[in-house]
């Protein structure tokens, strides 16, 4: 069985931050992912925290196993999966 065409262009992005763990987003472009990550950072990261950049196609297994991995949402659908906002 093949994936639906609409999902083939989705990519996972990780945005590390200067405080907190960061923001994880699945989107069809880095620009869309960055917009969602910045909105999320403003509401969910510690005051003054800045996003450091994007890590495209992040292998989620490389993220913090104690806090991030147990708390992520589904990474195969559009939206912010860390913090878990896409479900």
PDB file of N, CA and C in Angstrom:
ATOM      1  N   UNK A   1       0.847  -1.180   0.000  1.00  0.00           N
ATOM      2  CA  UNK A   1       0.000   0.000   0.000  1.00  0.00           C
ATOM      3  C   UNK A   1       0.893   1.245   0.000  1.00  0.00           C
ATOM      4  N   UNK A   2       0.570   2.224  -0.784  1.00  0.00           N
ATOM      5  CA  UNK A   2       1.368   3.446  -0.841  1.00  0.00           C
ATOM      6  C   UNK A   2       0.716   4.530   0.002  1.00  0.00           C
ATOM      7  N   UNK A   3       1.534   5.491   0.385  1.00  0.00           N
ATOM      8  CA  UNK A   3       1.020   6.631   1.145  1.00  0.00           C
ATOM      9  C   UNK A   3       0.168   7.497   0.243  1.00  0.00           C
ATOM     10  N   UNK A   4      -0.841   8.172   0.814  1.00  0.00           N
ATOM     11  CA  UNK A   4      -1.614   9.114   0.005  1.00  0.00           C
ATOM     12  C   UNK A   4      -0.696  10.219  -0.525  1.00  0.00           C
ATOM     13  N   UNK A   5      -0.965  10.683  -1.720  1.00  0.00           N
ATOM     14  CA  UNK A   5      -0.145  11.706  -2.359  1.00  0.00           C
ATOM     15  C   UNK A   5       0.006  12.931  -1.478  1.00  0.00           C
ATOM     16  N   UNK A   6      -1.054  13.326  -0.788  1.00  0.00           N
ATOM     17  CA  UNK A   6      -0.997  14.543   0.023  1.00  0.00           C
ATOM     18  C   UNK A   6       0.025  14.449   1.145  1.00  0.00           C
ATOM     19  N   UNK A   7       0.418  13.245   1.535  1.00  0.00           N
ATOM     20  CA  UNK A   7       1.358  13.094   2.639  1.00  0.00           C
ATOM     21  C   UNK A   7       2.806  12.968   2.173  1.00  0.00           C
ATOM     22  N   UNK A   8       3.023  12.790   0.898  1.00  0.00           N
ATOM     23  CA  UNK A   8       4.385  12.586   0.407  1.00  0.00           C
ATOM     24  C   UNK A   8       5.254  13.819   0.557  1.00  0.00           C
ATOM     25  N   UNK A   9       4.656  15.000   0.548  1.00  0.00           N
ATOM     26  CA  UNK A   9       5.459  16.210   0.635  1.00  0.00           C
ATOM     27  C   UNK A   9       5.684  16.678   2.076  1.00  0.00           C
ATOM     28  N   UNK A  10       5.072  16.024   3.049  1.00  0.00           N
ATOM     29  CA  UNK A  10       5.230  16.448   4.438  1.00  0.00           C
ATOM     30  C   UNK A  10       6.627  16.113   4.945  1.00  0.00           C
ATOM     31  N   UNK A  11       7.165  17.034   5.735  1.00  0.00           N
ATOM     32  CA  UNK A  11       8.486  16.834   6.335  1.00  0.00           C
ATOM     33  C   UNK A  11       8.425  17.184   7.812  1.00  0.00           C
ATOM     34  N   UNK A  12       9.258  16.500   8.582  1.00  0.00           N
ATOM     35  CA  UNK A  12       9.391  16.796  10.010  1.00  0.00           C
ATOM     36  C   UNK A  12      10.497  17.831  10.202  1.00  0.00           C
ATOM     37  N   UNK A  13      10.222  18.808  11.052  1.00  0.00           N
ATOM     38  CA  UNK A  13      11.216  19.826  11.392  1.00  0.00           C
ATOM     39  C   UNK A  13      11.328  19.917  12.905  1.00  0.00           C
ATOM     40  N   UNK A  14      12.542  20.096  13.374  1.00  0.00           N
ATOM     41  CA  UNK A  14      12.790  20.351  14.790  1.00  0.00           C
ATOM     42  C   UNK A  14      13.426  21.731  14.898  1.00  0.00           C
ATOM     43  N   UNK A  15      12.884  22.533  15.804  1.00  0.00           N
ATOM     44  CA  UNK A  15      13.405  23.878  16.042  1.00  0.00           C
ATOM     45  C   UNK A  15      13.946  23.919  17.472  1.00  0.00           C
ATOM     46  N   UNK A  16      15.261  23.743  17.668  1.00  0.00           N
ATOM     47  CA  UNK A  16      15.832  23.852  19.003  1.00  0.00           C
ATOM     48  C   UNK A  16      15.644  25.277  19.516  1.00  0.00           C
ATOM     49  N   UNK A  17      15.661  25.418  20.819  1.00  0.00           N
ATOM     50  CA  UNK A  17      15.432  26.730  21.418  1.00  0.00           C
ATOM     51  C   UNK A  17      16.496  27.035  22.457  1.00  0.00           C
ATOM     52  N   UNK A  18      16.626  28.319  22.779  1.00  0.00           N
ATOM     53  CA  UNK A  18      17.598  28.751  23.783  1.00  0.00           C
ATOM     54  C   UNK A  18      17.164  28.371  25.191  1.00  0.00           C
ATOM     55  N   UNK A  19      15.884  28.091  25.378  1.00  0.00           N
ATOM     56  CA  UNK A  19      15.358  27.624  26.665  1.00  0.00           C
ATOM     57  C   UNK A  19      14.227  26.654  26.372  1.00  0.00           C
ATOM     58  N   UNK A  20      14.044  25.675  27.226  1.00  0.00           N
ATOM     59  CA  UNK A  20      13.068  24.633  26.941  1.00  0.00           C
ATOM     60  C   UNK A  20      13.672  23.633  25.974  1.00  0.00           C
ATOM     61  N   UNK A  21      12.875  22.689  25.527  1.00  0.00           N
ATOM     62  CA  UNK A  21      13.403  21.649  24.646  1.00  0.00           C
ATOM     63  C   UNK A  21      13.401  22.051  23.183  1.00  0.00           C
ATOM     64  N   UNK A  22      12.412  22.799  22.752  1.00  0.00           N
ATOM     65  CA  UNK A  22      12.278  23.172  21.351  1.00  0.00           C
ATOM     66  C   UNK A  22      10.864  22.924  20.890  1.00  0.00           C
ATOM     67  N   UNK A  23      10.684  22.945  19.569  1.00  0.00           N
ATOM     68  CA  UNK A  23       9.371  22.763  18.962  1.00  0.00           C
ATOM     69  C   UNK A  23       9.518  21.818  17.778  1.00  0.00           C
ATOM     70  N   UNK A  24       8.624  20.833  17.687  1.00  0.00           N
ATOM     71  CA  UNK A  24       8.608  19.903  16.564  1.00  0.00           C
ATOM     72  C   UNK A  24       7.368  20.121  15.716  1.00  0.00           C
ATOM     73  N   UNK A  25       7.554  20.182  14.407  1.00  0.00           N
ATOM     74  CA  UNK A  25       6.454  20.483  13.487  1.00  0.00           C
ATOM     75  C   UNK A  25       6.552  19.597  12.253  1.00  0.00           C
ATOM     76  N   UNK A  26       5.409  19.142  11.773  1.00  0.00           N
ATOM     77  CA  UNK A  26       5.342  18.502  10.465  1.00  0.00           C
ATOM     78  C   UNK A  26       4.571  19.445   9.552  1.00  0.00           C
ATOM     79  N   UNK A  27       5.163  19.745   8.388  1.00  0.00           N
ATOM     80  CA  UNK A  27       4.546  20.672   7.440  1.00  0.00           C
ATOM     81  C   UNK A  27       5.057  20.353   6.040  1.00  0.00           C
ATOM     82  N   UNK A  28       4.442  21.002   5.058  1.00  0.00           N
ATOM     83  CA  UNK A  28       4.875  20.761   3.682  1.00  0.00           C
ATOM     84  C   UNK A  28       5.984  21.698   3.233  1.00  0.00           C
ATOM     85  N   UNK A  29       6.347  22.679   4.074  1.00  0.00           N
ATOM     86  CA  UNK A  29       7.476  23.545   3.745  1.00  0.00           C
ATOM     87  C   UNK A  29       8.117  24.056   5.031  1.00  0.00           C
ATOM     88  N   UNK A  30       9.365  24.453   4.919  1.00  0.00           N
ATOM     89  CA  UNK A  30      10.044  25.002   6.085  1.00  0.00           C
ATOM     90  C   UNK A  30       9.402  26.317   6.518  1.00  0.00           C
ATOM     91  N   UNK A  31       8.929  27.097   5.567  1.00  0.00           N
ATOM     92  CA  UNK A  31       8.280  28.368   5.907  1.00  0.00           C
ATOM     93  C   UNK A  31       7.017  28.133   6.744  1.00  0.00           C
ATOM     94  N   UNK A  32       6.201  27.171   6.344  1.00  0.00           N
ATOM     95  CA  UNK A  32       4.999  26.862   7.129  1.00  0.00           C
ATOM     96  C   UNK A  32       5.369  26.323   8.506  1.00  0.00           C
ATOM     97  N   UNK A  33       6.382  25.459   8.539  1.00  0.00           N
ATOM     98  CA  UNK A  33       6.821  24.896   9.818  1.00  0.00           C
ATOM     99  C   UNK A  33       7.342  25.993  10.739  1.00  0.00           C
ATOM    100  N   UNK A  34       8.121  26.909  10.198  1.00  0.00           N
ATOM    101  CA  UNK A  34       8.674  28.002  11.004  1.00  0.00           C
ATOM    102  C   UNK A  34       7.559  28.879  11.574  1.00  0.00           C
ATOM    103  N   UNK A  35       6.545  29.176  10.773  1.00  0.00           N
ATOM    104  CA  UNK A  35       5.429  29.988  11.240  1.00  0.00           C
ATOM    105  C   UNK A  35       4.737  29.312  12.423  1.00  0.00           C
ATOM    106  N   UNK A  36       4.457  28.019  12.296  1.00  0.00           N
ATOM    107  CA  UNK A  36       3.821  27.280  13.391  1.00  0.00           C
ATOM    108  C   UNK A  36       4.733  27.215  14.614  1.00  0.00           C
ATOM    109  N   UNK A  37       6.027  27.004  14.389  1.00  0.00           N
ATOM    110  CA  UNK A  37       6.974  26.910  15.501  1.00  0.00           C
ATOM    111  C   UNK A  37       7.081  28.233  16.249  1.00  0.00           C
ATOM    112  N   UNK A  38       7.116  29.337  15.525  1.00  0.00           N
ATOM    113  CA  UNK A  38       7.217  30.647  16.177  1.00  0.00           C
ATOM    114  C   UNK A  38       5.962  30.964  16.985  1.00  0.00           C
ATOM    115  N   UNK A  39       4.786  30.639  16.441  1.00  0.00           N
ATOM    116  CA  UNK A  39       3.542  30.840  17.189  1.00  0.00           C
ATOM    117  C   UNK A  39       3.536  30.000  18.459  1.00  0.00           C
ATOM    118  N   UNK A  40       3.999  28.771  18.346  1.00  0.00           N
ATOM    119  CA  UNK A  40       4.040  27.863  19.494  1.00  0.00           C
ATOM    120  C   UNK A  40       5.058  28.329  20.518  1.00  0.00           C
ATOM    121  N   UNK A  41       6.218  28.747  20.062  1.00  0.00           N
ATOM    122  CA  UNK A  41       7.266  29.202  20.981  1.00  0.00           C
ATOM    123  C   UNK A  41       6.781  30.384  21.805  1.00  0.00           C
ATOM    124  N   UNK A  42       6.066  31.291  21.182  1.00  0.00           N
ATOM    125  CA  UNK A  42       5.570  32.471  21.895  1.00  0.00           C
ATOM    126  C   UNK A  42       4.624  32.102  23.028  1.00  0.00           C
ATOM    127  N   UNK A  43       3.907  31.002  22.870  1.00  0.00           N
ATOM    128  CA  UNK A  43       2.919  30.594  23.888  1.00  0.00           C
ATOM    129  C   UNK A  43       3.413  29.533  24.854  1.00  0.00           C
ATOM    130  N   UNK A  44       4.365  28.678  24.418  1.00  0.00           N
ATOM    131  CA  UNK A  44       4.685  27.493  25.214  1.00  0.00           C
ATOM    132  C   UNK A  44       6.121  27.389  25.702  1.00  0.00           C
ATOM    133  N   UNK A  45       7.014  28.205  25.191  1.00  0.00           N
ATOM    134  CA  UNK A  45       8.398  28.167  25.690  1.00  0.00           C
ATOM    135  C   UNK A  45       8.567  29.215  26.788  1.00  0.00           C
ATOM    136  N   UNK A  46       9.606  29.077  27.596  1.00  0.00           N
ATOM    137  CA  UNK A  46       9.845  30.072  28.647  1.00  0.00           C
ATOM    138  C   UNK A  46       9.982  31.481  28.062  1.00  0.00           C
ATOM    139  N   UNK A  47       9.613  32.500  28.827  1.00  0.00           N
ATOM    140  CA  UNK A  47       9.719  33.882  28.337  1.00  0.00           C
ATOM    141  C   UNK A  47      11.143  34.181  27.854  1.00  0.00           C
ATOM    142  N   UNK A  48      11.242  34.826  26.713  1.00  0.00           N
ATOM    143  CA  UNK A  48      12.539  35.190  26.156  1.00  0.00           C
ATOM    144  C   UNK A  48      13.220  34.109  25.341  1.00  0.00           C
ATOM    145  N   UNK A  49      12.672  32.892  25.333  1.00  0.00           N
ATOM    146  CA  UNK A  49      13.285  31.808  24.567  1.00  0.00           C
ATOM    147  C   UNK A  49      13.211  32.116  23.077  1.00  0.00           C
ATOM    148  N   UNK A  50      14.278  31.805  22.379  1.00  0.00           N
ATOM    149  CA  UNK A  50      14.367  32.032  20.935  1.00  0.00           C
ATOM    150  C   UNK A  50      14.589  30.704  20.224  1.00  0.00           C
ATOM    151  N   UNK A  51      13.980  30.562  19.061  1.00  0.00           N
ATOM    152  CA  UNK A  51      14.248  29.393  18.230  1.00  0.00           C
ATOM    153  C   UNK A  51      15.589  29.597  17.548  1.00  0.00           C
ATOM    154  N   UNK A  52      16.399  28.544  17.483  1.00  0.00           N
ATOM    155  CA  UNK A  52      17.762  28.654  16.977  1.00  0.00           C
ATOM    156  C   UNK A  52      17.890  28.358  15.493  1.00  0.00           C
ATOM    157  N   UNK A  53      16.953  27.687  14.910  1.00  0.00           N
ATOM    158  CA  UNK A  53      17.032  27.320  13.504  1.00  0.00           C
ATOM    159  C   UNK A  53      16.201  26.084  13.271  1.00  0.00           C
ATOM    160  N   UNK A  54      16.212  25.596  12.067  1.00  0.00           N
ATOM    161  CA  UNK A  54      15.423  24.417  11.728  1.00  0.00           C
ATOM    162  C   UNK A  54      16.333  23.227  11.452  1.00  0.00           C
ATOM    163  N   UNK A  55      15.934  22.068  11.931  1.00  0.00           N
ATOM    164  CA  UNK A  55      16.587  20.808  11.582  1.00  0.00           C
ATOM    165  C   UNK A  55      15.563  20.045  10.742  1.00  0.00           C
ATOM    166  N   UNK A  56      15.713  20.081   9.413  1.00  0.00           N
ATOM    167  CA  UNK A  56      14.736  19.392   8.558  1.00  0.00           C
ATOM    168  C   UNK A  56      14.915  17.885   8.599  1.00  0.00           C
ATOM    169  N   UNK A  57      13.818  17.178   8.404  1.00  0.00           N
ATOM    170  CA  UNK A  57      13.816  15.710   8.333  1.00  0.00           C
ATOM    171  C   UNK A  57      14.430  15.087   9.587  1.00  0.00           C
ATOM    172  N   UNK A  58      14.115  15.668  10.716  1.00  0.00           N
ATOM    173  CA  UNK A  58      14.672  15.181  11.986  1.00  0.00           C
ATOM    174  C   UNK A  58      14.276  13.726  12.233  1.00  0.00           C
ATOM    175  N   UNK A  59      15.221  12.943  12.662  1.00  0.00           N
ATOM    176  CA  UNK A  59      14.945  11.583  13.114  1.00  0.00           C
ATOM    177  C   UNK A  59      14.526  11.726  14.578  1.00  0.00           C
ATOM    178  N   UNK A  60      13.263  11.529  14.867  1.00  0.00           N
ATOM    179  CA  UNK A  60      12.764  11.796  16.222  1.00  0.00           C
ATOM    180  C   UNK A  60      13.453  10.931  17.269  1.00  0.00           C
ATOM    181  N   UNK A  61      14.041   9.822  16.857  1.00  0.00           N
ATOM    182  CA  UNK A  61      14.751   8.967  17.820  1.00  0.00           C
ATOM    183  C   UNK A  61      15.954   9.663  18.424  1.00  0.00           C
ATOM    184  N   UNK A  62      16.412  10.756  17.811  1.00  0.00           N
ATOM    185  CA  UNK A  62      17.569  11.489  18.321  1.00  0.00           C
ATOM    186  C   UNK A  62      17.182  12.541  19.359  1.00  0.00           C
ATOM    187  N   UNK A  63      15.884  12.739  19.566  1.00  0.00           N
ATOM    188  CA  UNK A  63      15.419  13.753  20.523  1.00  0.00           C
ATOM    189  C   UNK A  63      15.444  13.195  21.936  1.00  0.00           C
ATOM    190  N   UNK A  64      15.320  14.079  22.904  1.00  0.00           N
ATOM    191  CA  UNK A  64      15.405  13.716  24.313  1.00  0.00           C
ATOM    192  C   UNK A  64      14.490  12.536  24.653  1.00  0.00           C
ATOM    193  N   UNK A  65      15.074  11.403  25.090  1.00  0.00           N
ATOM    194  CA  UNK A  65      14.264  10.212  25.351  1.00  0.00           C
ATOM    195  C   UNK A  65      13.471  10.261  26.660  1.00  0.00           C
ATOM    196  N   UNK A  66      13.857  11.141  27.547  1.00  0.00           N
ATOM    197  CA  UNK A  66      13.200  11.208  28.855  1.00  0.00           C
ATOM    198  C   UNK A  66      11.978  12.113  28.863  1.00  0.00           C
ATOM    199  N   UNK A  67      11.995  13.165  28.040  1.00  0.00           N
ATOM    200  CA  UNK A  67      10.873  14.101  28.082  1.00  0.00           C
ATOM    201  C   UNK A  67      10.203  14.291  26.723  1.00  0.00           C
ATOM    202  N   UNK A  68      10.973  14.525  25.678  1.00  0.00           N
ATOM    203  CA  UNK A  68      10.374  14.813  24.377  1.00  0.00           C
ATOM    204  C   UNK A  68       9.670  13.581  23.821  1.00  0.00           C
ATOM    205  N   UNK A  69      10.379  12.469  23.681  1.00  0.00           N
ATOM    206  CA  UNK A  69       9.788  11.294  23.042  1.00  0.00           C
ATOM    207  C   UNK A  69       8.511  10.798  23.715  1.00  0.00           C
ATOM    208  N   UNK A  70       8.447  10.739  25.037  1.00  0.00           N
ATOM    209  CA  UNK A  70       7.188  10.275  25.635  1.00  0.00           C
ATOM    210  C   UNK A  70       6.033  11.258  25.486  1.00  0.00           C
ATOM    211  N   UNK A  71       6.318  12.470  25.036  1.00  0.00           N
ATOM    212  CA  UNK A  71       5.290  13.504  24.996  1.00  0.00           C
ATOM    213  C   UNK A  71       5.013  14.054  23.601  1.00  0.00           C
ATOM    214  N   UNK A  72       5.471  13.373  22.551  1.00  0.00           N
ATOM    215  CA  UNK A  72       5.205  13.875  21.206  1.00  0.00           C
ATOM    216  C   UNK A  72       3.855  13.364  20.707  1.00  0.00           C
ATOM    217  N   UNK A  73       3.268  14.166  19.822  1.00  0.00           N
ATOM    218  CA  UNK A  73       2.072  13.741  19.109  1.00  0.00           C
ATOM    219  C   UNK A  73       2.493  13.015  17.843  1.00  0.00           C
ATOM    220  N   UNK A  74       1.537  12.669  16.990  1.00  0.00           N
ATOM    221  CA  UNK A  74       1.874  11.972  15.748  1.00  0.00           C
ATOM    222  C   UNK A  74       2.684  12.859  14.808  1.00  0.00           C
ATOM    223  N   UNK A  75       3.797  12.345  14.337  1.00  0.00           N
ATOM    224  CA  UNK A  75       4.692  13.127  13.482  1.00  0.00           C
ATOM    225  C   UNK A  75       4.356  12.976  12.000  1.00  0.00           C
ATOM    226  N   UNK A  76       3.348  12.188  11.674  1.00  0.00           N
ATOM    227  CA  UNK A  76       2.994  11.938  10.275  1.00  0.00           C
ATOM    228  C   UNK A  76       1.814  12.788   9.801  1.00  0.00           C
ATOM    229  N   UNK A  77       1.312  13.664  10.653  1.00  0.00           N
ATOM    230  CA  UNK A  77       0.233  14.567  10.256  1.00  0.00           C
ATOM    231  C   UNK A  77       0.705  16.001  10.437  1.00  0.00           C
ATOM    232  N   UNK A  78       0.128  16.907   9.662  1.00  0.00           N
ATOM    233  CA  UNK A  78       0.506  18.316   9.751  1.00  0.00           C
ATOM    234  C   UNK A  78       0.244  18.857  11.143  1.00  0.00           C
ATOM    235  N   UNK A  79       1.147  19.719  11.585  1.00  0.00           N
ATOM    236  CA  UNK A  79       0.944  20.416  12.839  1.00  0.00           C
ATOM    237  C   UNK A  79       2.113  20.284  13.790  1.00  0.00           C
ATOM    238  N   UNK A  80       1.922  20.866  14.955  1.00  0.00           N
ATOM    239  CA  UNK A  80       2.942  20.863  15.999  1.00  0.00           C
ATOM    240  C   UNK A  80       2.815  19.566  16.792  1.00  0.00           C
ATOM    241  N   UNK A  81       3.862  18.748  16.745  1.00  0.00           N
ATOM    242  CA  UNK A  81       3.841  17.489  17.484  1.00  0.00           C
ATOM    243  C   UNK A  81       4.633  17.550  18.786  1.00  0.00           C
ATOM    244  N   UNK A  82       5.434  18.587  18.962  1.00  0.00           N
ATOM    245  CA  UNK A  82       6.055  18.840  20.275  1.00  0.00           C
ATOM    246  C   UNK A  82       6.154  20.328  20.481  1.00  0.00           C
ATOM    247  N   UNK A  83       5.522  20.840  21.514  1.00  0.00           N
ATOM    248  CA  UNK A  83       4.620  20.127  22.410  1.00  0.00           C
ATOM    249  C   UNK A  83       3.421  19.566  21.644  1.00  0.00           C
ATOM    250  N   UNK A  84       2.820  18.568  22.201  1.00  0.00           N
ATOM    251  CA  UNK A  84       1.757  17.829  21.521  1.00  0.00           C
ATOM    252  C   UNK A  84       0.515  18.695  21.334  1.00  0.00           C
ATOM    253  N   UNK A  85       0.416  19.313  20.177  1.00  0.00           N
ATOM    254  CA  UNK A  85      -0.720  20.190  19.874  1.00  0.00           C
ATOM    255  C   UNK A  85      -1.514  19.716  18.664  1.00  0.00           C
ATOM    256  N   UNK A  86      -1.038  18.679  17.969  1.00  0.00           N
ATOM    257  CA  UNK A  86      -1.698  18.271  16.722  1.00  0.00           C
ATOM    258  C   UNK A  86      -2.724  17.171  16.910  1.00  0.00           C
ATOM    259  N   UNK A  87      -3.076  16.864  18.151  1.00  0.00           N
ATOM    260  CA  UNK A  87      -4.179  15.909  18.383  1.00  0.00           C
ATOM    261  C   UNK A  87      -5.139  16.482  19.400  1.00  0.00           C
TER     262      UNK A  87
END
